[in-house]
Amino acid sequence: MDFEIPPGSVQHLHPEGLHRNPVYTDVITATGNVKTVYIGAQGAFDSEGHLVGEGDLEAQTLQALHRIDLALAAAGAAREHLVKVNVYIVQGQSVQKAFAAFQRAWGILPNPPTNTVMMVPALVPEAFLVAIDALAVVPLQGEH
């Protein structure tokens, strides 16, 4: 039996009864023919492996986001395909500074990903103040 695989789709849901925040989406579904992109935790290394922004949470967040953008592009994806972002911030750092860096780098996305922000005792390497991992889903149109 020969059948056509339906094109992929991603749906951002805003369930009634959940506060709608402009910086994240509560529920996202992916169906059909899609490519899933998993991006491991990105920190503040440059392309040569040198730390960017030692002691500066905002600079490190901007570099980690830049690395997420590079990883997405390498996988044929973009910010619009992000469905989940986990942000790990070292305890004692300002969550507000990290959020300010997000807004500076990415602005307000029309369909932001879900997110989880966690305060952690330390990261590896110890000079990291923030690390970000991500999951993206890219709808494929009619590919098998």
N, C-alpha and C. Protein backbone atom coordinates (compact mmCIF):
# COMPACT_ATOMS: atom_id res chain seq x y z
N MET A 1 0.84 -1.18 0.00
CA MET A 1 0.00 0.00 0.00
C MET A 1 0.88 1.24 0.00
N ASP A 2 0.65 2.13 -0.92
CA ASP A 2 1.42 3.36 -1.02
C ASP A 2 0.58 4.51 -0.48
N PHE A 3 1.15 5.27 0.47
CA PHE A 3 0.41 6.40 1.00
C PHE A 3 1.37 7.56 1.22
N GLU A 4 0.82 8.74 1.22
CA GLU A 4 1.59 9.97 1.40
C GLU A 4 1.72 10.27 2.90
N ILE A 5 2.95 10.51 3.35
CA ILE A 5 3.17 10.93 4.73
C ILE A 5 2.74 12.38 4.83
N PRO A 6 1.88 12.71 5.81
CA PRO A 6 1.42 14.10 5.90
C PRO A 6 2.58 15.03 6.25
N PRO A 7 2.52 16.26 5.77
CA PRO A 7 3.56 17.21 6.13
C PRO A 7 3.59 17.40 7.64
N GLY A 8 4.73 17.75 8.16
CA GLY A 8 4.85 17.97 9.60
C GLY A 8 4.26 19.29 10.03
N SER A 9 3.90 19.36 11.29
CA SER A 9 3.40 20.62 11.81
C SER A 9 3.77 20.74 13.28
N VAL A 10 3.90 21.98 13.72
CA VAL A 10 4.16 22.31 15.11
C VAL A 10 3.07 23.28 15.53
N GLN A 11 2.44 22.99 16.67
CA GLN A 11 1.34 23.82 17.14
C GLN A 11 1.67 24.36 18.53
N HIS A 12 1.57 25.68 18.70
CA HIS A 12 1.78 26.33 19.98
C HIS A 12 0.41 26.50 20.64
N LEU A 13 0.24 25.91 21.81
CA LEU A 13 -1.05 25.94 22.49
C LEU A 13 -1.01 26.85 23.71
N HIS A 14 -2.10 27.55 23.92
CA HIS A 14 -2.24 28.43 25.07
C HIS A 14 -3.53 28.03 25.80
N PRO A 15 -3.46 26.96 26.60
CA PRO A 15 -4.66 26.45 27.24
C PRO A 15 -5.33 27.47 28.15
N GLU A 16 -6.64 27.48 28.09
CA GLU A 16 -7.42 28.34 28.98
C GLU A 16 -7.10 27.94 30.41
N GLY A 17 -6.95 28.92 31.26
CA GLY A 17 -6.65 28.66 32.66
C GLY A 17 -5.16 28.75 32.98
N LEU A 18 -4.29 28.82 31.95
CA LEU A 18 -2.86 29.00 32.16
C LEU A 18 -2.51 30.43 31.76
N HIS A 19 -1.77 31.11 32.61
CA HIS A 19 -1.34 32.48 32.31
C HIS A 19 -0.50 32.49 31.03
N ARG A 20 -0.81 33.37 30.12
CA ARG A 20 -0.06 33.47 28.87
C ARG A 20 1.07 34.49 29.04
N ASN A 21 2.30 33.98 29.00
CA ASN A 21 3.48 34.81 29.15
C ASN A 21 4.09 35.02 27.76
N PRO A 22 4.51 36.23 27.40
CA PRO A 22 5.03 36.47 26.05
C PRO A 22 6.41 35.87 25.79
N VAL A 23 7.11 35.40 26.83
CA VAL A 23 8.46 34.88 26.61
C VAL A 23 8.54 33.36 26.53
N TYR A 24 7.44 32.66 26.79
CA TYR A 24 7.44 31.21 26.62
C TYR A 24 6.03 30.73 26.32
N THR A 25 5.96 29.52 25.76
CA THR A 25 4.69 28.86 25.48
C THR A 25 4.56 27.71 26.44
N ASP A 26 3.35 27.47 26.94
CA ASP A 26 3.14 26.39 27.91
C ASP A 26 3.15 25.01 27.28
N VAL A 27 2.55 24.86 26.09
CA VAL A 27 2.42 23.55 25.46
C VAL A 27 2.70 23.68 23.97
N ILE A 28 3.53 22.78 23.45
CA ILE A 28 3.81 22.73 22.02
C ILE A 28 3.70 21.28 21.57
N THR A 29 2.99 21.05 20.46
CA THR A 29 2.89 19.70 19.91
C THR A 29 3.56 19.66 18.54
N ALA A 30 4.10 18.51 18.21
CA ALA A 30 4.68 18.28 16.89
C ALA A 30 4.07 17.01 16.34
N THR A 31 3.56 17.07 15.11
CA THR A 31 2.94 15.90 14.50
C THR A 31 3.41 15.75 13.07
N GLY A 32 3.24 14.56 12.56
CA GLY A 32 3.55 14.32 11.16
C GLY A 32 5.03 14.14 10.90
N ASN A 33 5.44 14.50 9.71
CA ASN A 33 6.79 14.30 9.23
C ASN A 33 7.67 15.47 9.68
N VAL A 34 8.46 15.26 10.75
CA VAL A 34 9.29 16.32 11.31
C VAL A 34 10.71 15.83 11.55
N LYS A 35 11.63 16.77 11.64
CA LYS A 35 13.00 16.49 12.05
C LYS A 35 13.18 17.10 13.42
N THR A 36 13.68 16.32 14.37
CA THR A 36 13.92 16.80 15.73
C THR A 36 15.41 17.09 15.88
N VAL A 37 15.71 18.24 16.46
CA VAL A 37 17.09 18.68 16.65
C VAL A 37 17.33 18.84 18.15
N TYR A 38 18.28 18.10 18.67
CA TYR A 38 18.66 18.18 20.08
C TYR A 38 19.98 18.92 20.19
N ILE A 39 20.01 19.99 20.96
CA ILE A 39 21.24 20.77 21.13
C ILE A 39 21.68 20.65 22.58
N GLY A 40 22.85 20.08 22.78
CA GLY A 40 23.40 19.94 24.13
C GLY A 40 23.70 21.29 24.75
N ALA A 41 23.92 21.29 26.04
CA ALA A 41 24.15 22.54 26.78
C ALA A 41 25.28 23.35 26.15
N GLN A 42 24.95 24.60 25.85
CA GLN A 42 25.91 25.52 25.26
C GLN A 42 26.29 26.56 26.31
N GLY A 43 27.58 26.80 26.42
CA GLY A 43 28.08 27.80 27.35
C GLY A 43 28.80 28.90 26.59
N ALA A 44 29.63 29.63 27.31
CA ALA A 44 30.24 30.85 26.77
C ALA A 44 31.61 30.63 26.16
N PHE A 45 31.79 29.57 25.39
CA PHE A 45 33.03 29.39 24.64
C PHE A 45 32.91 30.06 23.28
N ASP A 46 34.04 30.59 22.79
CA ASP A 46 34.06 31.07 21.42
C ASP A 46 34.46 29.91 20.51
N SER A 47 34.65 30.19 19.23
CA SER A 47 34.94 29.12 18.26
C SER A 47 36.30 28.47 18.50
N GLU A 48 37.16 29.12 19.27
CA GLU A 48 38.48 28.57 19.59
C GLU A 48 38.51 27.86 20.94
N GLY A 49 37.36 27.85 21.64
CA GLY A 49 37.29 27.21 22.95
C GLY A 49 37.70 28.10 24.11
N HIS A 50 37.77 29.43 23.87
CA HIS A 50 38.11 30.37 24.92
C HIS A 50 36.82 30.91 25.56
N LEU A 51 36.89 31.12 26.86
CA LEU A 51 35.75 31.66 27.60
C LEU A 51 35.47 33.09 27.17
N VAL A 52 34.19 33.40 26.94
CA VAL A 52 33.74 34.75 26.64
C VAL A 52 33.01 35.28 27.88
N GLY A 53 33.36 36.46 28.34
CA GLY A 53 32.62 37.11 29.43
C GLY A 53 32.88 36.54 30.81
N GLU A 54 34.14 36.32 31.14
CA GLU A 54 34.43 35.79 32.48
C GLU A 54 33.80 36.67 33.55
N GLY A 55 33.02 36.05 34.43
CA GLY A 55 32.37 36.76 35.53
C GLY A 55 31.19 37.62 35.12
N ASP A 56 30.78 37.59 33.85
CA ASP A 56 29.71 38.45 33.33
C ASP A 56 28.57 37.59 32.79
N LEU A 57 27.50 37.47 33.58
CA LEU A 57 26.37 36.61 33.22
C LEU A 57 25.74 37.04 31.89
N GLU A 58 25.56 38.33 31.69
CA GLU A 58 24.92 38.79 30.46
C GLU A 58 25.75 38.42 29.23
N ALA A 59 27.06 38.68 29.29
CA ALA A 59 27.94 38.35 28.16
C ALA A 59 27.95 36.84 27.91
N GLN A 60 27.96 36.05 28.97
CA GLN A 60 27.96 34.60 28.80
C GLN A 60 26.64 34.12 28.21
N THR A 61 25.53 34.71 28.64
CA THR A 61 24.23 34.33 28.09
C THR A 61 24.16 34.66 26.60
N LEU A 62 24.63 35.83 26.23
CA LEU A 62 24.64 36.21 24.81
C LEU A 62 25.48 35.24 23.99
N GLN A 63 26.62 34.81 24.51
CA GLN A 63 27.47 33.87 23.78
C GLN A 63 26.80 32.50 23.68
N ALA A 64 26.17 32.04 24.76
CA ALA A 64 25.48 30.75 24.71
C ALA A 64 24.34 30.79 23.68
N LEU A 65 23.61 31.89 23.63
CA LEU A 65 22.53 32.03 22.64
C LEU A 65 23.08 32.07 21.22
N HIS A 66 24.22 32.72 21.04
CA HIS A 66 24.88 32.74 19.73
C HIS A 66 25.23 31.31 19.31
N ARG A 67 25.73 30.52 20.24
CA ARG A 67 26.07 29.13 19.95
C ARG A 67 24.82 28.32 19.62
N ILE A 68 23.70 28.60 20.28
CA ILE A 68 22.43 27.93 19.95
C ILE A 68 22.05 28.27 18.51
N ASP A 69 22.16 29.55 18.14
CA ASP A 69 21.86 29.95 16.76
C ASP A 69 22.74 29.20 15.76
N LEU A 70 24.03 29.08 16.05
CA LEU A 70 24.95 28.36 15.16
C LEU A 70 24.55 26.88 15.05
N ALA A 71 24.20 26.28 16.17
CA ALA A 71 23.80 24.87 16.17
C ALA A 71 22.51 24.67 15.37
N LEU A 72 21.55 25.57 15.55
CA LEU A 72 20.29 25.48 14.79
C LEU A 72 20.58 25.56 13.30
N ALA A 73 21.38 26.54 12.90
CA ALA A 73 21.69 26.71 11.48
C ALA A 73 22.38 25.48 10.91
N ALA A 74 23.29 24.89 11.67
CA ALA A 74 23.99 23.69 11.20
C ALA A 74 23.04 22.53 10.95
N ALA A 75 21.93 22.52 11.69
CA ALA A 75 20.94 21.44 11.56
C ALA A 75 19.81 21.79 10.60
N GLY A 76 19.91 22.94 9.94
CA GLY A 76 18.84 23.36 9.03
C GLY A 76 17.61 23.85 9.76
N ALA A 77 17.81 24.44 10.93
CA ALA A 77 16.71 24.94 11.75
C ALA A 77 16.97 26.40 12.10
N ALA A 78 15.98 27.03 12.74
CA ALA A 78 16.09 28.43 13.16
C ALA A 78 15.36 28.58 14.49
N ARG A 79 15.47 29.75 15.06
CA ARG A 79 14.81 30.02 16.36
C ARG A 79 13.32 29.69 16.32
N GLU A 80 12.69 29.93 15.19
CA GLU A 80 11.25 29.67 15.08
C GLU A 80 10.91 28.19 15.28
N HIS A 81 11.91 27.31 15.15
CA HIS A 81 11.69 25.87 15.32
C HIS A 81 11.92 25.39 16.75
N LEU A 82 12.40 26.27 17.63
CA LEU A 82 12.64 25.87 19.02
C LEU A 82 11.32 25.52 19.70
N VAL A 83 11.30 24.40 20.40
CA VAL A 83 10.12 24.02 21.17
C VAL A 83 10.43 23.91 22.66
N LYS A 84 11.71 23.82 23.03
CA LYS A 84 12.08 23.68 24.44
C LYS A 84 13.47 24.25 24.65
N VAL A 85 13.62 25.06 25.68
CA VAL A 85 14.91 25.60 26.08
C VAL A 85 15.05 25.41 27.58
N ASN A 86 16.18 24.84 28.00
CA ASN A 86 16.50 24.72 29.43
C ASN A 86 17.66 25.66 29.71
N VAL A 87 17.51 26.49 30.73
CA VAL A 87 18.53 27.46 31.10
C VAL A 87 19.01 27.12 32.50
N TYR A 88 20.31 26.90 32.62
CA TYR A 88 20.93 26.57 33.91
C TYR A 88 21.77 27.78 34.32
N ILE A 89 21.43 28.38 35.46
CA ILE A 89 22.13 29.57 35.95
C ILE A 89 22.73 29.23 37.31
N VAL A 90 23.99 29.61 37.50
CA VAL A 90 24.66 29.35 38.77
C VAL A 90 24.01 30.18 39.87
N GLN A 91 23.76 29.52 41.00
CA GLN A 91 23.15 30.19 42.15
C GLN A 91 23.93 31.45 42.50
N GLY A 92 23.19 32.48 42.88
CA GLY A 92 23.81 33.76 43.22
C GLY A 92 23.84 34.73 42.06
N GLN A 93 23.56 34.23 40.86
CA GLN A 93 23.51 35.10 39.68
C GLN A 93 22.09 35.64 39.50
N SER A 94 21.97 36.72 38.78
CA SER A 94 20.69 37.38 38.57
C SER A 94 19.93 36.76 37.39
N VAL A 95 18.80 36.16 37.68
CA VAL A 95 17.95 35.62 36.61
C VAL A 95 17.51 36.76 35.69
N GLN A 96 17.26 37.94 36.26
CA GLN A 96 16.83 39.09 35.46
C GLN A 96 17.88 39.47 34.42
N LYS A 97 19.17 39.38 34.78
CA LYS A 97 20.23 39.69 33.81
C LYS A 97 20.23 38.69 32.67
N ALA A 98 20.00 37.42 32.98
CA ALA A 98 19.93 36.40 31.94
C ALA A 98 18.74 36.67 31.02
N PHE A 99 17.57 36.99 31.60
CA PHE A 99 16.40 37.29 30.78
C PHE A 99 16.63 38.52 29.92
N ALA A 100 17.30 39.54 30.47
CA ALA A 100 17.60 40.75 29.69
C ALA A 100 18.47 40.40 28.49
N ALA A 101 19.43 39.50 28.69
CA ALA A 101 20.29 39.08 27.58
C ALA A 101 19.48 38.34 26.53
N PHE A 102 18.55 37.47 26.97
CA PHE A 102 17.67 36.76 26.02
C PHE A 102 16.93 37.77 25.17
N GLN A 103 16.31 38.76 25.81
CA GLN A 103 15.52 39.74 25.07
C GLN A 103 16.39 40.57 24.14
N ARG A 104 17.60 40.89 24.57
CA ARG A 104 18.52 41.65 23.73
C ARG A 104 18.91 40.84 22.50
N ALA A 105 19.19 39.57 22.69
CA ALA A 105 19.65 38.72 21.58
C ALA A 105 18.52 38.29 20.66
N TRP A 106 17.41 37.88 21.24
CA TRP A 106 16.34 37.25 20.45
C TRP A 106 15.06 38.06 20.38
N GLY A 107 14.92 39.11 21.17
CA GLY A 107 13.68 39.87 21.18
C GLY A 107 12.53 39.01 21.67
N ILE A 108 11.34 39.39 21.32
CA ILE A 108 10.15 38.61 21.66
C ILE A 108 9.79 37.77 20.43
N LEU A 109 9.90 36.46 20.56
CA LEU A 109 9.57 35.57 19.45
C LEU A 109 8.06 35.46 19.32
N PRO A 110 7.53 35.39 18.09
CA PRO A 110 6.08 35.28 17.91
C PRO A 110 5.51 34.01 18.54
N ASN A 111 6.24 32.93 18.48
CA ASN A 111 5.85 31.66 19.11
C ASN A 111 7.04 31.16 19.91
N PRO A 112 7.20 31.68 21.14
CA PRO A 112 8.37 31.29 21.92
C PRO A 112 8.31 29.83 22.34
N PRO A 113 9.48 29.24 22.59
CA PRO A 113 9.51 27.84 23.03
C PRO A 113 9.06 27.72 24.48
N THR A 114 8.80 26.48 24.89
CA THR A 114 8.63 26.23 26.32
C THR A 114 9.99 26.43 26.96
N ASN A 115 10.03 26.67 28.27
CA ASN A 115 11.33 26.81 28.90
C ASN A 115 11.30 26.36 30.35
N THR A 116 12.47 26.03 30.82
CA THR A 116 12.68 25.73 32.23
C THR A 116 13.95 26.45 32.63
N VAL A 117 13.88 27.20 33.72
CA VAL A 117 15.05 27.90 34.24
C VAL A 117 15.38 27.27 35.59
N MET A 118 16.64 26.85 35.73
CA MET A 118 17.07 26.17 36.95
C MET A 118 18.28 26.87 37.54
N MET A 119 18.25 27.08 38.85
CA MET A 119 19.42 27.57 39.56
C MET A 119 20.20 26.33 39.99
N VAL A 120 21.49 26.32 39.67
CA VAL A 120 22.33 25.17 39.97
C VAL A 120 23.54 25.62 40.80
N PRO A 121 24.10 24.71 41.61
CA PRO A 121 25.24 25.11 42.44
C PRO A 121 26.49 25.44 41.63
N ALA A 122 26.71 24.76 40.50
CA ALA A 122 27.90 24.99 39.69
C ALA A 122 27.70 24.37 38.31
N LEU A 123 28.51 24.82 37.37
CA LEU A 123 28.54 24.26 36.02
C LEU A 123 29.96 23.82 35.71
N VAL A 124 30.11 23.08 34.64
CA VAL A 124 31.43 22.66 34.19
C VAL A 124 31.65 23.26 32.81
N PRO A 125 32.73 24.03 32.62
CA PRO A 125 33.74 24.37 33.60
C PRO A 125 33.21 25.37 34.64
N GLU A 126 33.93 25.49 35.74
CA GLU A 126 33.47 26.33 36.86
C GLU A 126 33.29 27.79 36.49
N ALA A 127 33.98 28.27 35.45
CA ALA A 127 33.86 29.67 35.05
C ALA A 127 32.53 29.97 34.38
N PHE A 128 31.81 28.93 33.95
CA PHE A 128 30.49 29.15 33.34
C PHE A 128 29.50 29.62 34.40
N LEU A 129 28.77 30.67 34.07
CA LEU A 129 27.69 31.16 34.92
C LEU A 129 26.33 30.74 34.40
N VAL A 130 26.28 30.32 33.13
CA VAL A 130 25.04 29.91 32.49
C VAL A 130 25.34 28.87 31.41
N ALA A 131 24.42 27.96 31.23
CA ALA A 131 24.46 27.01 30.12
C ALA A 131 23.03 26.84 29.62
N ILE A 132 22.88 26.64 28.32
CA ILE A 132 21.54 26.54 27.72
C ILE A 132 21.51 25.36 26.77
N ASP A 133 20.52 24.48 26.95
CA ASP A 133 20.30 23.43 25.95
C ASP A 133 18.95 23.64 25.31
N ALA A 134 18.74 23.02 24.16
CA ALA A 134 17.53 23.32 23.40
C ALA A 134 17.07 22.13 22.58
N LEU A 135 15.80 22.16 22.24
CA LEU A 135 15.17 21.16 21.40
C LEU A 135 14.38 21.91 20.33
N ALA A 136 14.59 21.54 19.08
CA ALA A 136 13.87 22.17 17.97
C ALA A 136 13.17 21.09 17.15
N VAL A 137 12.05 21.44 16.55
CA VAL A 137 11.32 20.55 15.67
C VAL A 137 11.07 21.29 14.36
N VAL A 138 11.56 20.70 13.28
CA VAL A 138 11.45 21.30 11.95
C VAL A 138 10.44 20.49 11.14
N PRO A 139 9.30 21.08 10.78
CA PRO A 139 8.34 20.37 9.92
C PRO A 139 8.95 20.09 8.55
N LEU A 140 8.78 18.89 8.07
CA LEU A 140 9.25 18.51 6.73
C LEU A 140 8.04 18.40 5.82
N GLN A 141 8.15 18.99 4.68
CA GLN A 141 7.01 19.01 3.76
C GLN A 141 7.13 17.90 2.74
N GLY A 142 6.41 16.81 2.98
CA GLY A 142 6.30 15.74 2.00
C GLY A 142 7.53 14.88 1.82
N GLU A 143 8.55 14.98 2.71
CA GLU A 143 9.71 14.12 2.60
C GLU A 143 9.41 12.78 3.25
N HIS A 144 10.04 11.73 2.79
CA HIS A 144 9.80 10.40 3.36
C HIS A 144 11.02 9.93 4.10
